[in-house]
Amino acid sequence: MHAVAETLTASALWHGLAIPLSRLLLSVSVGLFVGTLIEALQWTRAMAKVAQPLVRLGRLKDVAGASFSLAFFSGAGANTMLADAFERGEISRREVMLSNLFNSLPTYFLHLPTLFFIAAPFIGPAAGLYVGLTVLAALLRTLGIVLLGRLTLPPLEKGCVACLLPEDARWDWRGALSKTLKRFKRRLPRMIFYTIPIYVVFFFLKRWGIFDALEAIMAEHVGFLSWLPPQAMGIVVFHMAAETTAGYAAAGALVQTGGLTVKELVLALLVGNILSSPVRAVRHQFPYYAGIFKPALALNLIIGNQALRAASIVLVTLGYALWG
């Protein structure tokens, strides 16, 4: 500890901690605002046009296609549409399950701008790679549901998905900006709350050689993750213990100090994503789903979503680990 005190000068704290952290907070704030604004402008409305051919290919009913399109700009609206159709007897329980799983792609795209613009300031070029791999996993989930529907559902007569959707609205810049400012004020303090302490902790952990000690512990007790470097375990742990931003903050601290390669960083984020999803789903999704569907159906939908999500990300992670 004495040696650490001698090398930990005011200059080292200023140039190694204060300046990089300030730059990171500024970049994160700008990224959060831009991503939230793009979300508020309902950028995904044009992408809803892909619904019709996928619905026909998967033998899903028009309400499923309309829900898929609606999910690009309102996840709650999409699920409410399915719940209402189920209550009226227009679709079966199996069709509700498949339709809800089918919506995983638009639901993911709904928050994609914010995800990317938050991740980019923390992990730089690795953000594009990480987000791209998670998008690939979402695409695989949707294609898997289309194939499953094709194999298990009967053929349908020609319908009209667009007829069930509201008319397109012009972009409301004033309304979008107002919504963006409200969300920005709500989200920014939470991000700062996680980013500053995590960044400071990782700065000192690296200087004190804690990661070297973790390497020996991992070799003995965490064999199934031994292929990850010890520094990466901090990203996994923060992903599991707190919000996603905490994992990015941990990753950002390691990027600044050069503790991981881009591939190791992306793999750590993917592993943290897989391990944290089930707990986070029960904590955040069940109250939301139970407010739309009956509790038993809500639980089945969450389990199905998480199982499919985990399987797709595991597949993408293995592919990237072996061939990336």
C-alpha atoms as a PDB file:
ATOM      1  CA  MET A   1       0.000   0.000   0.000  1.00  0.00           C
ATOM      2  CA  HIS A   2       2.920   2.349   0.704  1.00  0.00           C
ATOM      3  CA  ALA A   3       4.228   1.893  -2.847  1.00  0.00           C
ATOM      4  CA  VAL A   4       0.781   2.659  -4.197  1.00  0.00           C
ATOM      5  CA  ALA A   5       0.615   5.870  -2.150  1.00  0.00           C
ATOM      6  CA  GLU A   6       3.934   7.035  -3.585  1.00  0.00           C
ATOM      7  CA  THR A   7       2.900   6.533  -7.201  1.00  0.00           C
ATOM      8  CA  LEU A   8      -0.647   7.850  -6.790  1.00  0.00           C
ATOM      9  CA  THR A   9       0.136  11.532  -7.254  1.00  0.00           C
ATOM     10  CA  ALA A  10      -2.261  14.385  -7.921  1.00  0.00           C
ATOM     11  CA  SER A  11      -1.074  14.418 -11.530  1.00  0.00           C
ATOM     12  CA  ALA A  12      -1.832  10.715 -11.906  1.00  0.00           C
ATOM     13  CA  LEU A  13      -5.339  11.207 -10.514  1.00  0.00           C
ATOM     14  CA  TRP A  14      -5.959  14.213 -12.748  1.00  0.00           C
ATOM     15  CA  HIS A  15      -4.695  12.740 -16.011  1.00  0.00           C
ATOM     16  CA  GLY A  16      -5.572   9.103 -15.324  1.00  0.00           C
ATOM     17  CA  LEU A  17      -8.939   9.521 -13.644  1.00  0.00           C
ATOM     18  CA  ALA A  18     -10.495  13.009 -13.650  1.00  0.00           C
ATOM     19  CA  ILE A  19      -9.934  13.966 -17.302  1.00  0.00           C
ATOM     20  CA  PRO A  20     -10.930  10.578 -18.868  1.00  0.00           C
ATOM     21  CA  LEU A  21     -13.979  10.351 -16.601  1.00  0.00           C
ATOM     22  CA  SER A  22     -15.100  13.882 -17.494  1.00  0.00           C
ATOM     23  CA  ARG A  23     -14.758  13.149 -21.211  1.00  0.00           C
ATOM     24  CA  LEU A  24     -16.699   9.922 -20.772  1.00  0.00           C
ATOM     25  CA  LEU A  25     -19.564  11.639 -18.909  1.00  0.00           C
ATOM     26  CA  LEU A  26     -19.819  14.315 -21.591  1.00  0.00           C
ATOM     27  CA  SER A  27     -19.883  11.711 -24.389  1.00  0.00           C
ATOM     28  CA  VAL A  28     -22.458   9.616 -22.538  1.00  0.00           C
ATOM     29  CA  SER A  29     -24.712  12.631 -22.003  1.00  0.00           C
ATOM     30  CA  VAL A  30     -24.614  13.575 -25.693  1.00  0.00           C
ATOM     31  CA  GLY A  31     -25.155   9.966 -26.749  1.00  0.00           C
ATOM     32  CA  LEU A  32     -28.086   9.522 -24.388  1.00  0.00           C
ATOM     33  CA  PHE A  33     -29.783  12.668 -25.694  1.00  0.00           C
ATOM     34  CA  VAL A  34     -29.321  11.749 -29.367  1.00  0.00           C
ATOM     35  CA  GLY A  35     -30.493   8.170 -28.863  1.00  0.00           C
ATOM     36  CA  THR A  36     -33.562   9.273 -26.887  1.00  0.00           C
ATOM     37  CA  LEU A  37     -34.463  11.843 -29.562  1.00  0.00           C
ATOM     38  CA  ILE A  38     -34.281   9.230 -32.326  1.00  0.00           C
ATOM     39  CA  GLU A  39     -36.522   6.978 -30.245  1.00  0.00           C
ATOM     40  CA  ALA A  40     -39.045   9.770 -29.728  1.00  0.00           C
ATOM     41  CA  LEU A  41     -39.235  10.423 -33.494  1.00  0.00           C
ATOM     42  CA  GLN A  42     -40.556   6.868 -33.994  1.00  0.00           C
ATOM     43  CA  TRP A  43     -37.773   6.085 -36.475  1.00  0.00           C
ATOM     44  CA  THR A  44     -38.899   2.468 -36.740  1.00  0.00           C
ATOM     45  CA  ARG A  45     -42.288   3.187 -38.331  1.00  0.00           C
ATOM     46  CA  ALA A  46     -40.874   2.696 -41.844  1.00  0.00           C
ATOM     47  CA  MET A  47     -39.393  -0.677 -40.844  1.00  0.00           C
ATOM     48  CA  ALA A  48     -42.870  -2.009 -40.067  1.00  0.00           C
ATOM     49  CA  LYS A  49     -43.354  -2.630 -43.799  1.00  0.00           C
ATOM     50  CA  VAL A  50     -41.418  -5.893 -43.434  1.00  0.00           C
ATOM     51  CA  ALA A  51     -44.277  -7.378 -41.411  1.00  0.00           C
ATOM     52  CA  GLN A  52     -46.568  -8.507 -44.223  1.00  0.00           C
ATOM     53  CA  PRO A  53     -44.278 -11.061 -45.955  1.00  0.00           C
ATOM     54  CA  LEU A  54     -42.975 -12.419 -42.643  1.00  0.00           C
ATOM     55  CA  VAL A  55     -46.507 -12.846 -41.309  1.00  0.00           C
ATOM     56  CA  ARG A  56     -47.565 -14.779 -44.396  1.00  0.00           C
ATOM     57  CA  LEU A  57     -44.431 -16.905 -44.317  1.00  0.00           C
ATOM     58  CA  GLY A  58     -44.992 -17.779 -40.655  1.00  0.00           C
ATOM     59  CA  ARG A  59     -48.735 -18.417 -41.128  1.00  0.00           C
ATOM     60  CA  LEU A  60     -49.562 -15.900 -38.428  1.00  0.00           C
ATOM     61  CA  LYS A  61     -52.877 -14.035 -38.446  1.00  0.00           C
ATOM     62  CA  ASP A  62     -53.238 -10.418 -39.420  1.00  0.00           C
ATOM     63  CA  VAL A  63     -53.461  -9.288 -35.806  1.00  0.00           C
ATOM     64  CA  ALA A  64     -50.013 -10.808 -35.215  1.00  0.00           C
ATOM     65  CA  GLY A  65     -48.624  -8.847 -38.149  1.00  0.00           C
ATOM     66  CA  ALA A  66     -50.264  -5.661 -36.940  1.00  0.00           C
ATOM     67  CA  SER A  67     -48.859  -6.281 -33.459  1.00  0.00           C
ATOM     68  CA  PHE A  68     -45.405  -6.842 -34.986  1.00  0.00           C
ATOM     69  CA  SER A  69     -45.613  -3.516 -36.839  1.00  0.00           C
ATOM     70  CA  LEU A  70     -46.969  -1.697 -33.805  1.00  0.00           C
ATOM     71  CA  ALA A  71     -44.155  -3.113 -31.643  1.00  0.00           C
ATOM     72  CA  PHE A  72     -41.658  -1.034 -33.639  1.00  0.00           C
ATOM     73  CA  PHE A  73     -42.922   2.065 -31.845  1.00  0.00           C
ATOM     74  CA  SER A  74     -45.036   0.811 -28.909  1.00  0.00           C
ATOM     75  CA  GLY A  75     -44.301  -2.459 -27.128  1.00  0.00           C
ATOM     76  CA  ALA A  76     -47.217  -1.968 -24.736  1.00  0.00           C
ATOM     77  CA  GLY A  77     -49.590  -1.260 -27.624  1.00  0.00           C
ATOM     78  CA  ALA A  78     -48.441  -4.384 -29.450  1.00  0.00           C
ATOM     79  CA  ASN A  79     -49.001  -6.625 -26.440  1.00  0.00           C
ATOM     80  CA  THR A  80     -52.357  -5.033 -25.690  1.00  0.00           C
ATOM     81  CA  MET A  81     -53.459  -5.784 -29.252  1.00  0.00           C
ATOM     82  CA  LEU A  82     -52.554  -9.458 -28.768  1.00  0.00           C
ATOM     83  CA  ALA A  83     -54.232  -9.635 -25.358  1.00  0.00           C
ATOM     84  CA  ASP A  84     -57.460  -8.136 -26.713  1.00  0.00           C
ATOM     85  CA  ALA A  85     -57.511 -10.526 -29.679  1.00  0.00           C
ATOM     86  CA  PHE A  86     -56.948 -13.471 -27.333  1.00  0.00           C
ATOM     87  CA  GLU A  87     -59.776 -12.353 -25.030  1.00  0.00           C
ATOM     88  CA  ARG A  88     -62.106 -12.117 -28.037  1.00  0.00           C
ATOM     89  CA  GLY A  89     -61.120 -15.617 -29.130  1.00  0.00           C
ATOM     90  CA  GLU A  90     -59.607 -14.437 -32.420  1.00  0.00           C
ATOM     91  CA  ILE A  91     -56.263 -16.137 -31.755  1.00  0.00           C
ATOM     92  CA  SER A  92     -55.301 -19.203 -29.731  1.00  0.00           C
ATOM     93  CA  ARG A  93     -52.938 -19.396 -26.783  1.00  0.00           C
ATOM     94  CA  ARG A  94     -50.257 -20.866 -29.061  1.00  0.00           C
ATOM     95  CA  GLU A  95     -50.706 -17.969 -31.493  1.00  0.00           C
ATOM     96  CA  VAL A  96     -50.361 -15.485 -28.627  1.00  0.00           C
ATOM     97  CA  MET A  97     -47.107 -17.162 -27.589  1.00  0.00           C
ATOM     98  CA  LEU A  98     -45.699 -17.241 -31.129  1.00  0.00           C
ATOM     99  CA  SER A  99     -46.860 -13.697 -31.896  1.00  0.00           C
ATOM    100  CA  ASN A 100     -45.306 -12.316 -28.712  1.00  0.00           C
ATOM    101  CA  LEU A 101     -42.026 -14.099 -29.448  1.00  0.00           C
ATOM    102  CA  PHE A 102     -42.272 -12.870 -33.042  1.00  0.00           C
ATOM    103  CA  ASN A 103     -42.219  -9.306 -31.689  1.00  0.00           C
ATOM    104  CA  SER A 104     -38.768  -9.659 -30.141  1.00  0.00           C
ATOM    105  CA  LEU A 105     -37.108  -8.019 -33.146  1.00  0.00           C
ATOM    106  CA  PRO A 106     -39.201  -4.809 -33.280  1.00  0.00           C
ATOM    107  CA  THR A 107     -39.209  -4.579 -29.479  1.00  0.00           C
ATOM    108  CA  TYR A 108     -35.406  -4.668 -29.583  1.00  0.00           C
ATOM    109  CA  PHE A 109     -35.231  -2.128 -32.409  1.00  0.00           C
ATOM    110  CA  LEU A 110     -37.487   0.211 -30.450  1.00  0.00           C
ATOM    111  CA  HIS A 111     -34.669   0.968 -27.993  1.00  0.00           C
ATOM    112  CA  LEU A 112     -31.729   0.314 -30.326  1.00  0.00           C
ATOM    113  CA  PRO A 113     -30.709   3.986 -30.792  1.00  0.00           C
ATOM    114  CA  THR A 114     -30.455   4.572 -27.045  1.00  0.00           C
ATOM    115  CA  LEU A 115     -28.600   1.283 -26.561  1.00  0.00           C
ATOM    116  CA  PHE A 116     -26.012   2.167 -29.181  1.00  0.00           C
ATOM    117  CA  PHE A 117     -25.551   5.816 -28.226  1.00  0.00           C
ATOM    118  CA  ILE A 118     -25.128   4.883 -24.575  1.00  0.00           C
ATOM    119  CA  ALA A 119     -22.683   2.051 -25.301  1.00  0.00           C
ATOM    120  CA  ALA A 120     -20.546   3.964 -27.829  1.00  0.00           C
ATOM    121  CA  PRO A 121     -19.058   6.540 -25.416  1.00  0.00           C
ATOM    122  CA  PHE A 122     -18.149   3.775 -22.963  1.00  0.00           C
ATOM    123  CA  ILE A 123     -16.652   1.159 -25.289  1.00  0.00           C
ATOM    124  CA  GLY A 124     -15.952   3.009 -28.536  1.00  0.00           C
ATOM    125  CA  PRO A 125     -15.736   0.908 -31.734  1.00  0.00           C
ATOM    126  CA  ALA A 126     -16.683  -2.232 -29.792  1.00  0.00           C
ATOM    127  CA  ALA A 127     -20.202  -0.779 -29.408  1.00  0.00           C
ATOM    128  CA  GLY A 128     -20.992  -1.321 -33.077  1.00  0.00           C
ATOM    129  CA  LEU A 129     -19.781  -4.909 -32.903  1.00  0.00           C
ATOM    130  CA  TYR A 130     -21.633  -5.712 -29.670  1.00  0.00           C
ATOM    131  CA  VAL A 131     -24.883  -4.102 -30.785  1.00  0.00           C
ATOM    132  CA  GLY A 132     -24.558  -5.763 -34.208  1.00  0.00           C
ATOM    133  CA  LEU A 133     -24.245  -9.190 -32.599  1.00  0.00           C
ATOM    134  CA  THR A 134     -27.299  -8.594 -30.400  1.00  0.00           C
ATOM    135  CA  VAL A 135     -29.243  -7.460 -33.484  1.00  0.00           C
ATOM    136  CA  LEU A 136     -28.175 -10.685 -35.208  1.00  0.00           C
ATOM    137  CA  ALA A 137     -29.495 -12.634 -32.217  1.00  0.00           C
ATOM    138  CA  ALA A 138     -32.834 -10.778 -32.481  1.00  0.00           C
ATOM    139  CA  LEU A 139     -33.016 -11.584 -36.198  1.00  0.00           C
ATOM    140  CA  LEU A 140     -32.349 -15.255 -35.481  1.00  0.00           C
ATOM    141  CA  ARG A 141     -35.165 -15.270 -32.905  1.00  0.00           C
ATOM    142  CA  THR A 142     -37.644 -13.800 -35.363  1.00  0.00           C
ATOM    143  CA  LEU A 143     -36.644 -16.154 -38.179  1.00  0.00           C
ATOM    144  CA  GLY A 144     -36.884 -19.074 -35.767  1.00  0.00           C
ATOM    145  CA  ILE A 145     -40.459 -18.113 -34.848  1.00  0.00           C
ATOM    146  CA  VAL A 146     -41.377 -17.695 -38.519  1.00  0.00           C
ATOM    147  CA  LEU A 147     -40.077 -21.219 -39.189  1.00  0.00           C
ATOM    148  CA  LEU A 148     -41.888 -22.618 -36.141  1.00  0.00           C
ATOM    149  CA  GLY A 149     -45.140 -20.974 -37.208  1.00  0.00           C
ATOM    150  CA  ARG A 150     -44.701 -22.322 -40.722  1.00  0.00           C
ATOM    151  CA  LEU A 151     -44.331 -25.833 -39.345  1.00  0.00           C
ATOM    152  CA  THR A 152     -47.062 -25.773 -36.674  1.00  0.00           C
ATOM    153  CA  LEU A 153     -49.844 -23.437 -37.863  1.00  0.00           C
ATOM    154  CA  PRO A 154     -52.365 -24.083 -40.663  1.00  0.00           C
ATOM    155  CA  PRO A 155     -52.325 -22.014 -43.873  1.00  0.00           C
ATOM    156  CA  LEU A 156     -54.333 -18.778 -43.819  1.00  0.00           C
ATOM    157  CA  GLU A 157     -56.352 -16.866 -46.369  1.00  0.00           C
ATOM    158  CA  LYS A 158     -54.959 -13.620 -47.698  1.00  0.00           C
ATOM    159  CA  GLY A 159     -55.540 -10.755 -45.254  1.00  0.00           C
ATOM    160  CA  CYS A 160     -54.578  -7.156 -44.650  1.00  0.00           C
ATOM    161  CA  VAL A 161     -52.096  -6.346 -41.904  1.00  0.00           C
ATOM    162  CA  ALA A 162     -52.039  -2.626 -42.676  1.00  0.00           C
ATOM    163  CA  CYS A 163     -55.804  -2.374 -42.229  1.00  0.00           C
ATOM    164  CA  LEU A 164     -55.404  -2.973 -38.485  1.00  0.00           C
ATOM    165  CA  LEU A 165     -52.843  -0.216 -37.992  1.00  0.00           C
ATOM    166  CA  PRO A 166     -53.375   3.482 -37.335  1.00  0.00           C
ATOM    167  CA  GLU A 167     -52.529   5.898 -40.116  1.00  0.00           C
ATOM    168  CA  ASP A 168     -48.958   7.154 -40.341  1.00  0.00           C
ATOM    169  CA  ALA A 169     -48.389  10.395 -38.513  1.00  0.00           C
ATOM    170  CA  ARG A 170     -45.880  13.078 -39.502  1.00  0.00           C
ATOM    171  CA  TRP A 171     -42.882  13.561 -37.305  1.00  0.00           C
ATOM    172  CA  ASP A 172     -43.734  15.928 -34.475  1.00  0.00           C
ATOM    173  CA  TRP A 173     -40.383  17.569 -33.742  1.00  0.00           C
ATOM    174  CA  ARG A 174     -41.720  19.756 -30.943  1.00  0.00           C
ATOM    175  CA  GLY A 175     -43.459  16.832 -29.232  1.00  0.00           C
ATOM    176  CA  ALA A 176     -40.443  14.563 -29.769  1.00  0.00           C
ATOM    177  CA  LEU A 177     -38.086  17.154 -28.272  1.00  0.00           C
ATOM    178  CA  SER A 178     -40.349  17.604 -25.246  1.00  0.00           C
ATOM    179  CA  LYS A 179     -40.532  13.845 -24.719  1.00  0.00           C
ATOM    180  CA  THR A 180     -36.756  13.572 -25.184  1.00  0.00           C
ATOM    181  CA  LEU A 181     -36.035  16.200 -22.526  1.00  0.00           C
ATOM    182  CA  LYS A 182     -38.300  14.459 -20.011  1.00  0.00           C
ATOM    183  CA  ARG A 183     -36.669  11.067 -20.621  1.00  0.00           C
ATOM    184  CA  PHE A 184     -33.185  12.596 -20.667  1.00  0.00           C
ATOM    185  CA  LYS A 185     -33.711  14.232 -17.256  1.00  0.00           C
ATOM    186  CA  ARG A 186     -34.964  10.933 -15.864  1.00  0.00           C
ATOM    187  CA  ARG A 187     -32.243   8.708 -17.338  1.00  0.00           C
ATOM    188  CA  LEU A 188     -29.129  10.893 -16.972  1.00  0.00           C
ATOM    189  CA  PRO A 189     -28.926  10.926 -13.132  1.00  0.00           C
ATOM    190  CA  ARG A 190     -29.227   7.130 -13.073  1.00  0.00           C
ATOM    191  CA  MET A 191     -26.369   6.794 -15.578  1.00  0.00           C
ATOM    192  CA  ILE A 192     -24.146   9.186 -13.631  1.00  0.00           C
ATOM    193  CA  PHE A 193     -25.009   7.356 -10.406  1.00  0.00           C
ATOM    194  CA  TYR A 194     -23.554   4.130 -11.831  1.00  0.00           C
ATOM    195  CA  THR A 195     -20.775   5.504 -14.024  1.00  0.00           C
ATOM    196  CA  ILE A 196     -18.742   7.613 -11.585  1.00  0.00           C
ATOM    197  CA  PRO A 197     -18.307   5.134  -8.698  1.00  0.00           C
ATOM    198  CA  ILE A 198     -17.730   2.162 -11.013  1.00  0.00           C
ATOM    199  CA  TYR A 199     -15.126   4.033 -13.039  1.00  0.00           C
ATOM    200  CA  VAL A 200     -13.293   5.112  -9.876  1.00  0.00           C
ATOM    201  CA  VAL A 201     -13.388   1.588  -8.425  1.00  0.00           C
ATOM    202  CA  PHE A 202     -11.938   0.034 -11.579  1.00  0.00           C
ATOM    203  CA  PHE A 203      -9.225   2.681 -11.739  1.00  0.00           C
ATOM    204  CA  PHE A 204      -7.973   1.689  -8.280  1.00  0.00           C
ATOM    205  CA  LEU A 205      -8.523  -2.049  -8.747  1.00  0.00           C
ATOM    206  CA  LYS A 206      -6.195  -2.032 -11.725  1.00  0.00           C
ATOM    207  CA  ARG A 207      -3.533  -0.008  -9.911  1.00  0.00           C
ATOM    208  CA  TRP A 208      -3.669  -2.297  -6.885  1.00  0.00           C
ATOM    209  CA  GLY A 209      -3.260  -5.506  -8.909  1.00  0.00           C
ATOM    210  CA  ILE A 210      -6.636  -6.952  -7.888  1.00  0.00           C
ATOM    211  CA  PHE A 211      -7.209  -8.417 -11.336  1.00  0.00           C
ATOM    212  CA  ASP A 212      -4.041 -10.489 -11.073  1.00  0.00           C
ATOM    213  CA  ALA A 213      -5.365 -12.018  -7.854  1.00  0.00           C
ATOM    214  CA  LEU A 214      -8.742 -12.690  -9.505  1.00  0.00           C
ATOM    215  CA  GLU A 215      -7.027 -14.629 -12.269  1.00  0.00           C
ATOM    216  CA  ALA A 216      -5.774 -17.217  -9.782  1.00  0.00           C
ATOM    217  CA  ILE A 217      -9.192 -17.457  -8.099  1.00  0.00           C
ATOM    218  CA  MET A 218     -10.980 -17.932 -11.421  1.00  0.00           C
ATOM    219  CA  ALA A 219      -8.653 -20.724 -12.415  1.00  0.00           C
ATOM    220  CA  GLU A 220      -9.727 -22.659  -9.316  1.00  0.00           C
ATOM    221  CA  HIS A 221     -13.403 -21.802  -8.822  1.00  0.00           C
ATOM    222  CA  VAL A 222     -14.991 -20.449 -12.018  1.00  0.00           C
ATOM    223  CA  GLY A 223     -13.879 -22.983 -14.567  1.00  0.00           C
ATOM    224  CA  PHE A 224     -16.785 -22.495 -16.981  1.00  0.00           C
ATOM    225  CA  LEU A 225     -15.742 -18.849 -17.446  1.00  0.00           C
ATOM    226  CA  SER A 226     -11.987 -19.432 -17.338  1.00  0.00           C
ATOM    227  CA  TRP A 227     -11.742 -18.527 -21.028  1.00  0.00           C
ATOM    228  CA  LEU A 228     -12.535 -14.922 -20.066  1.00  0.00           C
ATOM    229  CA  PRO A 229      -9.725 -12.761 -18.617  1.00  0.00           C
ATOM    230  CA  PRO A 230     -10.149 -11.766 -14.944  1.00  0.00           C
ATOM    231  CA  GLN A 231     -10.826  -8.126 -15.825  1.00  0.00           C
ATOM    232  CA  ALA A 232     -13.865  -9.223 -17.820  1.00  0.00           C
ATOM    233  CA  MET A 233     -15.471 -10.734 -14.728  1.00  0.00           C
ATOM    234  CA  GLY A 234     -16.093  -7.232 -13.401  1.00  0.00           C
ATOM    235  CA  ILE A 235     -18.195  -6.487 -16.477  1.00  0.00           C
ATOM    236  CA  VAL A 236     -20.160  -9.723 -16.020  1.00  0.00           C
ATOM    237  CA  VAL A 237     -20.725  -9.073 -12.312  1.00  0.00           C
ATOM    238  CA  PHE A 238     -21.924  -5.492 -12.815  1.00  0.00           C
ATOM    239  CA  HIS A 239     -24.187  -6.627 -15.658  1.00  0.00           C
ATOM    240  CA  MET A 240     -25.797  -9.141 -13.287  1.00  0.00           C
ATOM    241  CA  ALA A 241     -25.918  -7.026 -10.125  1.00  0.00           C
ATOM    242  CA  ALA A 242     -27.139  -3.717 -11.511  1.00  0.00           C
ATOM    243  CA  GLU A 243     -28.489  -1.968 -14.585  1.00  0.00           C
ATOM    244  CA  THR A 244     -26.972  -2.481 -18.041  1.00  0.00           C
ATOM    245  CA  THR A 245     -25.267   0.903 -17.768  1.00  0.00           C
ATOM    246  CA  ALA A 246     -23.186  -0.463 -14.908  1.00  0.00           C
ATOM    247  CA  GLY A 247     -21.753  -3.121 -17.204  1.00  0.00           C
ATOM    248  CA  TYR A 248     -20.928  -0.480 -19.795  1.00  0.00           C
ATOM    249  CA  ALA A 249     -19.304   1.695 -17.140  1.00  0.00           C
ATOM    250  CA  ALA A 250     -17.114  -1.203 -16.034  1.00  0.00           C
ATOM    251  CA  ALA A 251     -16.241  -1.921 -19.658  1.00  0.00           C
ATOM    252  CA  GLY A 252     -15.463   1.748 -20.278  1.00  0.00           C
ATOM    253  CA  ALA A 253     -13.054   1.848 -17.363  1.00  0.00           C
ATOM    254  CA  LEU A 254     -11.198  -1.153 -18.766  1.00  0.00           C
ATOM    255  CA  VAL A 255     -11.112   0.333 -22.262  1.00  0.00           C
ATOM    256  CA  GLN A 256      -9.523   3.506 -20.902  1.00  0.00           C
ATOM    257  CA  THR A 257      -6.836   1.518 -19.077  1.00  0.00           C
ATOM    258  CA  GLY A 258      -6.226  -0.956 -21.900  1.00  0.00           C
ATOM    259  CA  GLY A 259      -7.177  -3.972 -19.815  1.00  0.00           C
ATOM    260  CA  LEU A 260      -9.034  -5.935 -22.520  1.00  0.00           C
ATOM    261  CA  THR A 261      -8.982  -6.545 -26.249  1.00  0.00           C
ATOM    262  CA  VAL A 262     -12.077  -5.662 -28.278  1.00  0.00           C
ATOM    263  CA  LYS A 263     -13.009  -9.336 -28.642  1.00  0.00           C
ATOM    264  CA  GLU A 264     -12.640 -10.020 -24.906  1.00  0.00           C
ATOM    265  CA  LEU A 265     -14.706  -6.936 -24.138  1.00  0.00           C
ATOM    266  CA  VAL A 266     -17.546  -7.930 -26.491  1.00  0.00           C
ATOM    267  CA  LEU A 267     -17.570 -11.512 -25.201  1.00  0.00           C
ATOM    268  CA  ALA A 268     -17.753 -10.280 -21.607  1.00  0.00           C
ATOM    269  CA  LEU A 269     -20.714  -8.053 -22.462  1.00  0.00           C
ATOM    270  CA  LEU A 270     -22.475 -10.925 -24.231  1.00  0.00           C
ATOM    271  CA  VAL A 271     -21.927 -13.280 -21.272  1.00  0.00           C
ATOM    272  CA  GLY A 272     -23.164 -10.612 -18.865  1.00  0.00           C
ATOM    273  CA  ASN A 273     -26.192 -10.113 -21.093  1.00  0.00           C
ATOM    274  CA  ILE A 274     -27.035 -13.825 -20.988  1.00  0.00           C
ATOM    275  CA  LEU A 275     -26.583 -14.242 -17.223  1.00  0.00           C
ATOM    276  CA  SER A 276     -28.384 -11.048 -16.212  1.00  0.00           C
ATOM    277  CA  SER A 277     -31.486 -11.376 -18.392  1.00  0.00           C
ATOM    278  CA  PRO A 278     -33.528 -13.916 -16.348  1.00  0.00           C
ATOM    279  CA  VAL A 279     -33.317 -11.998 -13.059  1.00  0.00           C
ATOM    280  CA  ARG A 280     -33.946  -8.675 -14.768  1.00  0.00           C
ATOM    281  CA  ALA A 281     -36.932 -10.116 -16.632  1.00  0.00           C
ATOM    282  CA  VAL A 282     -38.627 -11.314 -13.456  1.00  0.00           C
ATOM    283  CA  ARG A 283     -37.879  -8.019 -11.689  1.00  0.00           C
ATOM    284  CA  HIS A 284     -39.021  -5.644 -14.441  1.00  0.00           C
ATOM    285  CA  GLN A 285     -41.106  -7.536 -17.003  1.00  0.00           C
ATOM    286  CA  PHE A 286     -43.505  -9.579 -14.895  1.00  0.00           C
ATOM    287  CA  PRO A 287     -45.398  -6.603 -13.401  1.00  0.00           C
ATOM    288  CA  TYR A 288     -45.662  -5.103 -16.902  1.00  0.00           C
ATOM    289  CA  TYR A 289     -46.805  -8.356 -18.572  1.00  0.00           C
ATOM    290  CA  ALA A 290     -49.209  -9.214 -15.753  1.00  0.00           C
ATOM    291  CA  GLY A 291     -50.893  -5.852 -16.284  1.00  0.00           C
ATOM    292  CA  ILE A 292     -51.703  -6.804 -19.891  1.00  0.00           C
ATOM    293  CA  PHE A 293     -52.107 -10.601 -19.857  1.00  0.00           C
ATOM    294  CA  LYS A 294     -53.421 -12.936 -17.186  1.00  0.00           C
ATOM    295  CA  PRO A 295     -50.649 -13.805 -14.670  1.00  0.00           C
ATOM    296  CA  ALA A 296     -50.220 -17.442 -15.783  1.00  0.00           C
ATOM    297  CA  LEU A 297     -49.983 -16.453 -19.447  1.00  0.00           C
ATOM    298  CA  ALA A 298     -47.713 -13.534 -18.561  1.00  0.00           C
ATOM    299  CA  LEU A 299     -45.303 -15.893 -16.794  1.00  0.00           C
ATOM    300  CA  ASN A 300     -45.308 -18.292 -19.750  1.00  0.00           C
ATOM    301  CA  LEU A 301     -44.575 -15.439 -22.135  1.00  0.00           C
ATOM    302  CA  ILE A 302     -41.659 -14.224 -20.028  1.00  0.00           C
ATOM    303  CA  ILE A 303     -40.184 -17.722 -19.723  1.00  0.00           C
ATOM    304  CA  GLY A 304     -40.550 -18.302 -23.453  1.00  0.00           C
ATOM    305  CA  ASN A 305     -39.009 -14.940 -24.303  1.00  0.00           C
ATOM    306  CA  GLN A 306     -36.055 -15.411 -21.978  1.00  0.00           C
ATOM    307  CA  ALA A 307     -35.370 -18.980 -23.099  1.00  0.00           C
ATOM    308  CA  LEU A 308     -35.412 -17.958 -26.760  1.00  0.00           C
ATOM    309  CA  ARG A 309     -33.367 -14.830 -26.064  1.00  0.00           C
ATOM    310  CA  ALA A 310     -30.724 -16.720 -24.096  1.00  0.00           C
ATOM    311  CA  ALA A 311     -30.479 -19.440 -26.758  1.00  0.00           C
ATOM    312  CA  SER A 312     -30.008 -16.914 -29.561  1.00  0.00           C
ATOM    313  CA  ILE A 313     -27.346 -14.918 -27.699  1.00  0.00           C
ATOM    314  CA  VAL A 314     -25.515 -18.108 -26.655  1.00  0.00           C
ATOM    315  CA  LEU A 315     -25.462 -19.151 -30.315  1.00  0.00           C
ATOM    316  CA  VAL A 316     -24.131 -15.766 -31.422  1.00  0.00           C
ATOM    317  CA  THR A 317     -21.574 -15.711 -28.582  1.00  0.00           C
ATOM    318  CA  LEU A 318     -20.249 -19.150 -29.483  1.00  0.00           C
ATOM    319  CA  GLY A 319     -20.035 -18.184 -33.134  1.00  0.00           C
ATOM    320  CA  TYR A 320     -18.126 -15.002 -32.352  1.00  0.00           C
ATOM    321  CA  ALA A 321     -15.838 -16.755 -29.858  1.00  0.00           C
ATOM    322  CA  LEU A 322     -14.916 -19.427 -32.395  1.00  0.00           C
ATOM    323  CA  TRP A 323     -14.808 -17.426 -35.628  1.00  0.00           C
ATOM    324  CA  GLY A 324     -14.800 -13.756 -34.667  1.00  0.00           C
END
